[in-house]
Amino acid sequence: MAIEDMKQLKTVNNQGPAQALIDQGWTLLAVCVKQDGSDQYAEYHLGKPAPVGLTGHGALLSGDGKV
Protein backbone atom coordinates (compact mmCIF):
# COMPACT_ATOMS: atom_id res chain seq x y z
CA MET A 1 0.00 0.00 0.00
CA ALA A 2 1.40 3.38 -1.01
CA ILE A 3 1.80 6.17 1.52
CA GLU A 4 -0.44 8.27 -0.75
CA ASP A 5 -3.31 5.92 0.14
CA MET A 6 -3.12 6.95 3.80
CA LYS A 7 -5.75 9.55 4.67
CA GLN A 8 -5.34 9.58 8.47
CA LEU A 9 -2.11 9.59 10.46
CA LYS A 10 -1.54 9.05 14.19
CA THR A 11 1.50 8.90 16.44
CA VAL A 12 1.49 7.12 19.81
CA ASN A 13 4.29 6.58 22.32
CA ASN A 14 3.32 3.20 23.75
CA GLN A 15 3.03 -0.31 22.36
CA GLY A 16 -0.42 -0.89 23.90
CA PRO A 17 -2.22 1.95 22.08
CA ALA A 18 -0.29 1.13 18.89
CA GLN A 19 -1.47 -2.49 19.02
CA ALA A 20 -5.06 -1.37 19.65
CA LEU A 21 -4.95 0.83 16.53
CA ILE A 22 -3.45 -2.01 14.48
CA ASP A 23 -6.29 -4.26 15.69
CA GLN A 24 -8.74 -1.58 14.43
CA GLY A 25 -7.27 -1.71 10.92
CA TRP A 26 -4.50 0.90 11.12
CA THR A 27 -1.18 0.17 9.38
CA LEU A 28 2.15 0.52 11.17
CA LEU A 29 4.24 2.87 9.02
CA ALA A 30 7.32 3.39 11.20
CA VAL A 31 8.76 2.92 14.67
CA CYS A 32 11.22 5.62 15.71
CA VAL A 33 13.45 5.58 18.77
CA LYS A 34 13.29 8.98 20.46
CA GLN A 35 15.51 10.30 23.21
CA ASP A 36 14.59 12.97 25.74
CA GLY A 37 17.62 13.58 27.93
CA SER A 38 18.51 10.18 29.34
CA ASP A 39 15.07 8.69 28.57
CA GLN A 40 14.54 6.63 25.43
CA TYR A 41 11.16 5.61 24.07
CA ALA A 42 9.57 4.31 20.89
CA GLU A 43 7.26 6.46 18.80
CA TYR A 44 4.80 4.48 16.66
CA HIS A 45 3.57 6.12 13.44
CA LEU A 46 0.37 4.63 12.02
CA GLY A 47 -1.80 5.35 9.01
CA LYS A 48 -5.29 4.47 7.88
CA PRO A 49 -6.38 4.43 4.24
CA ALA A 50 -9.52 6.09 2.93
CA PRO A 51 -12.69 4.04 3.35
CA VAL A 52 -13.40 1.53 0.60
CA GLY A 53 -15.08 3.23 -2.33
CA LEU A 54 -13.01 6.41 -2.28
CA THR A 55 -10.49 7.08 -5.01
CA GLY A 56 -7.35 9.16 -4.70
CA HIS A 57 -9.41 12.16 -5.82
CA GLY A 58 -12.03 11.72 -3.13
CA ALA A 59 -14.80 10.66 -5.52
CA LEU A 60 -17.23 7.92 -4.58
CA LEU A 61 -17.56 5.02 -6.98
CA SER A 62 -21.03 3.78 -7.83
CA GLY A 63 -21.80 0.08 -7.85
CA ASP A 64 -21.06 -0.16 -11.57
CA GLY A 65 -17.55 1.30 -11.15
CA LYS A 66 -18.42 4.69 -12.65
CA VAL A 67 -17.48 7.90 -10.86
Foldseek 3Di string as FASTA:
>chain_A
DDPLQFDDKDKDFDPVVVVVVVVVPKAFDDWDWDDDPPDITIITMITHGDPPQQDSVRDGADPVRHD
